[in-house]
Amino acid sequence: MKVVVAVTGASGVILAEKLLKGLKGHETHLIVSEGAVEVAGHEGVEVGSLEAEAGRVHGEHDMFSPLASSSNRIDSMVVIPCTMKTLSAIANGYADNLISRSAENVLKMGGRLVVVPRDTPLTLAAIENMRRLKLAGAIILPPNIGFYHEPKSLDDMTGFITGKVLDALQVEHNLYRRWQEI
């Protein structure tokens, strides 16, 4: 499966790192926004570690990347974490960079788009934009932590969220115990 992982400037860059590790064995393409680079530094995540996990890295403004064309098939794309700005751009067809352009291509070609919006509380505009994306076929997956599996660490909590993203992509994993396994 060919998967694009886009990282934007919202808190939670660690989720993208864990997702890339969970996608080992799949063709992965990484796009990291300028904002994500700055946030990663504040959160203690090395952008180089994200790039090392990805099969290929694309620049946020590289509109000559193969990902910018809908003739280049993308099976799935995950925007993790997703800022409200990026969510709004995708929901409203404002393809001004490679992240929003790739997402637009995934949606129009019937691929799977998973958006992990990392903001709270939500404005009405954010909720309406999520509604637009859902109607367009996207999966909206807020990083809400489950507690039934009794997480003991940050790794357990991020594993739960990342596992849910992998579930949405239909990728097998063992990042958290499922309800029937408890």
Protein backbone atom coordinates (compact mmCIF):
# COMPACT_ATOMS: atom_id res chain seq x y z
CA MET A 1 0.00 0.00 0.00
CA LYS A 2 1.24 3.49 -0.89
CA VAL A 3 0.66 5.84 2.06
CA VAL A 4 1.38 9.54 2.37
CA VAL A 5 1.99 10.75 5.92
CA ALA A 6 1.66 14.52 6.26
CA VAL A 7 2.76 16.22 9.47
CA THR A 8 1.48 19.73 10.19
CA GLY A 9 2.26 22.24 12.93
CA ALA A 10 -0.10 20.99 15.61
CA SER A 11 1.04 19.40 18.84
CA GLY A 12 1.47 15.63 18.67
CA VAL A 13 4.30 15.07 16.19
CA ILE A 14 5.17 11.92 18.17
CA LEU A 15 2.02 10.35 16.70
CA ALA A 16 3.43 10.69 13.18
CA GLU A 17 6.69 9.08 14.23
CA LYS A 18 4.88 6.13 15.76
CA LEU A 19 2.62 5.83 12.69
CA LEU A 20 5.58 5.66 10.32
CA LYS A 21 7.03 2.84 12.42
CA GLY A 22 3.69 1.04 12.23
CA LEU A 23 3.70 1.35 8.44
CA LYS A 24 6.96 -0.58 7.98
CA GLY A 25 6.63 -2.80 4.94
CA HIS A 26 4.43 -0.28 3.12
CA GLU A 27 5.50 2.38 0.63
CA THR A 28 5.55 5.57 2.69
CA HIS A 29 5.90 9.16 1.56
CA LEU A 30 6.44 11.91 4.12
CA ILE A 31 5.58 15.61 3.92
CA VAL A 32 6.53 17.78 6.91
CA SER A 33 5.25 21.35 7.06
CA GLU A 34 7.42 24.23 8.23
CA GLY A 35 5.18 24.57 11.28
CA ALA A 36 5.66 20.90 12.09
CA VAL A 37 9.44 21.34 12.08
CA GLU A 38 9.10 24.08 14.68
CA VAL A 39 6.62 22.14 16.84
CA ALA A 40 8.74 18.98 16.64
CA GLY A 41 11.63 20.93 18.14
CA HIS A 42 9.47 22.04 21.07
CA GLU A 43 8.21 18.48 21.59
CA GLY A 44 11.65 16.86 21.48
CA VAL A 45 11.05 14.98 18.23
CA GLU A 46 13.84 15.03 15.65
CA VAL A 47 12.51 15.61 12.13
CA GLY A 48 15.42 13.46 10.97
CA SER A 49 13.90 10.51 12.85
CA LEU A 50 10.65 10.98 10.93
CA GLU A 51 12.54 11.17 7.66
CA ALA A 52 14.53 8.05 8.54
CA GLU A 53 11.30 6.07 8.99
CA ALA A 54 9.84 7.21 5.65
CA GLY A 55 10.54 5.64 2.30
CA ARG A 56 10.59 9.01 0.56
CA VAL A 57 10.48 12.62 1.75
CA HIS A 58 8.78 15.46 -0.16
CA GLY A 59 8.98 19.20 0.47
CA GLU A 60 5.83 20.99 1.60
CA HIS A 61 6.03 23.42 -1.33
CA ASP A 62 7.25 20.95 -3.99
CA MET A 63 4.34 21.15 -6.42
CA PHE A 64 6.45 19.21 -8.94
CA SER A 65 6.46 16.16 -6.65
CA PRO A 66 4.71 13.12 -8.13
CA LEU A 67 2.24 13.43 -5.23
CA ALA A 68 0.94 16.70 -6.73
CA SER A 69 -0.61 14.83 -9.66
CA SER A 70 -3.75 12.73 -9.47
CA SER A 71 -2.21 10.48 -12.14
CA ASN A 72 0.13 9.24 -9.39
CA ARG A 73 -2.06 6.83 -7.43
CA ILE A 74 -2.05 7.18 -3.65
CA ASP A 75 -3.89 4.46 -1.74
CA SER A 76 -4.11 6.30 1.56
CA MET A 77 -3.04 9.52 3.22
CA VAL A 78 -2.90 10.47 6.88
CA VAL A 79 -2.57 14.06 8.09
CA ILE A 80 -1.23 13.58 11.62
CA PRO A 81 -1.40 15.82 13.55
CA CYS A 82 -3.61 18.11 11.49
CA THR A 83 -3.87 21.84 12.19
CA MET A 84 -7.21 23.56 11.76
CA LYS A 85 -5.60 25.62 8.98
CA THR A 86 -4.72 22.49 7.00
CA LEU A 87 -8.09 20.91 7.75
CA SER A 88 -9.79 24.06 6.45
CA ALA A 89 -7.64 24.12 3.31
CA ILE A 90 -8.43 20.49 2.49
CA ALA A 91 -12.15 20.86 3.28
CA ASN A 92 -12.46 23.91 1.06
CA GLY A 93 -10.31 22.77 -1.87
CA TYR A 94 -7.53 25.27 -1.20
CA ALA A 95 -4.60 23.25 -2.55
CA ASP A 96 -1.82 25.77 -1.95
CA ASN A 97 0.86 23.29 -0.86
CA LEU A 98 1.74 19.64 -1.35
CA ILE A 99 -0.17 18.51 1.75
CA SER A 100 -3.52 19.98 0.72
CA ARG A 101 -2.92 19.11 -2.96
CA SER A 102 -2.13 15.45 -2.14
CA ALA A 103 -5.21 15.25 0.10
CA GLU A 104 -7.34 16.70 -2.69
CA ASN A 105 -5.98 14.06 -5.08
CA VAL A 106 -6.67 11.24 -2.63
CA LEU A 107 -10.27 12.37 -2.18
CA LYS A 108 -11.02 12.93 -5.86
CA MET A 109 -9.52 9.57 -6.83
CA GLY A 110 -11.42 7.65 -4.15
CA GLY A 111 -8.49 6.91 -1.87
CA ARG A 112 -8.60 6.83 1.91
CA LEU A 113 -7.89 10.12 3.70
CA VAL A 114 -7.49 10.03 7.48
CA VAL A 115 -7.31 13.39 9.25
CA VAL A 116 -6.17 13.55 12.89
CA PRO A 117 -7.23 17.04 14.03
CA ARG A 118 -5.30 18.13 17.11
CA ASP A 119 -7.11 21.08 18.61
CA THR A 120 -9.55 21.61 21.46
CA PRO A 121 -12.04 23.07 22.05
CA LEU A 122 -13.42 23.21 18.53
CA THR A 123 -14.95 26.24 16.86
CA LEU A 124 -18.08 25.96 14.76
CA ALA A 125 -15.91 26.60 11.68
CA ALA A 126 -13.70 23.61 12.58
CA ILE A 127 -16.75 21.39 13.09
CA GLU A 128 -18.23 22.50 9.76
CA ASN A 129 -14.93 21.84 7.99
CA MET A 130 -14.79 18.36 9.54
CA ARG A 131 -18.34 17.81 8.33
CA ARG A 132 -17.31 18.84 4.81
CA LEU A 133 -14.39 16.42 4.87
CA LYS A 134 -16.56 13.59 6.17
CA LEU A 135 -19.09 14.21 3.40
CA ALA A 136 -16.21 14.11 0.90
CA GLY A 137 -15.22 10.67 2.20
CA ALA A 138 -12.49 11.44 4.71
CA ILE A 139 -12.13 9.68 8.05
CA ILE A 140 -11.98 12.18 10.90
CA LEU A 141 -10.00 10.59 13.73
CA PRO A 142 -9.43 12.92 16.69
CA PRO A 143 -6.60 11.70 18.94
CA ASN A 144 -8.93 10.75 21.80
CA ILE A 145 -7.38 8.27 24.20
CA GLY A 146 -9.25 5.16 25.28
CA PHE A 147 -8.84 4.04 28.87
CA TYR A 148 -10.38 0.56 28.83
CA HIS A 149 -6.96 -0.93 28.02
CA GLU A 150 -5.53 0.74 31.16
CA PRO A 151 -2.68 2.78 29.67
CA LYS A 152 0.32 3.10 31.97
CA SER A 153 2.56 5.38 29.92
CA LEU A 154 2.70 7.97 27.17
CA ASP A 155 3.76 5.15 24.86
CA ASP A 156 0.55 3.25 25.70
CA MET A 157 -1.54 6.35 24.99
CA THR A 158 0.16 7.19 21.70
CA GLY A 159 0.00 3.50 20.78
CA PHE A 160 -3.77 3.57 21.18
CA ILE A 161 -4.16 6.59 18.89
CA THR A 162 -1.69 5.27 16.32
CA GLY A 163 -3.39 1.88 16.45
CA LYS A 164 -6.72 3.52 15.65
CA VAL A 165 -5.13 5.23 12.63
CA LEU A 166 -3.68 1.91 11.47
CA ASP A 167 -7.14 0.36 11.95
CA ALA A 168 -8.59 3.07 9.69
CA LEU A 169 -5.95 2.15 7.09
CA GLN A 170 -6.75 -1.55 7.59
CA VAL A 171 -3.16 -2.28 8.64
CA GLU A 172 -2.59 -5.04 11.21
CA HIS A 173 -0.85 -4.05 14.43
CA ASN A 174 -0.52 -4.89 18.11
CA LEU A 175 -0.25 -1.37 19.54
CA TYR A 176 -3.15 -1.76 21.97
CA ARG A 177 -5.33 -4.50 23.37
CA ARG A 178 -8.74 -4.61 21.76
CA TRP A 179 -11.87 -4.70 23.89
CA GLN A 180 -12.45 -8.44 23.46
CA GLU A 181 -8.81 -9.14 24.38
CA ILE A 182 -9.12 -7.60 27.85
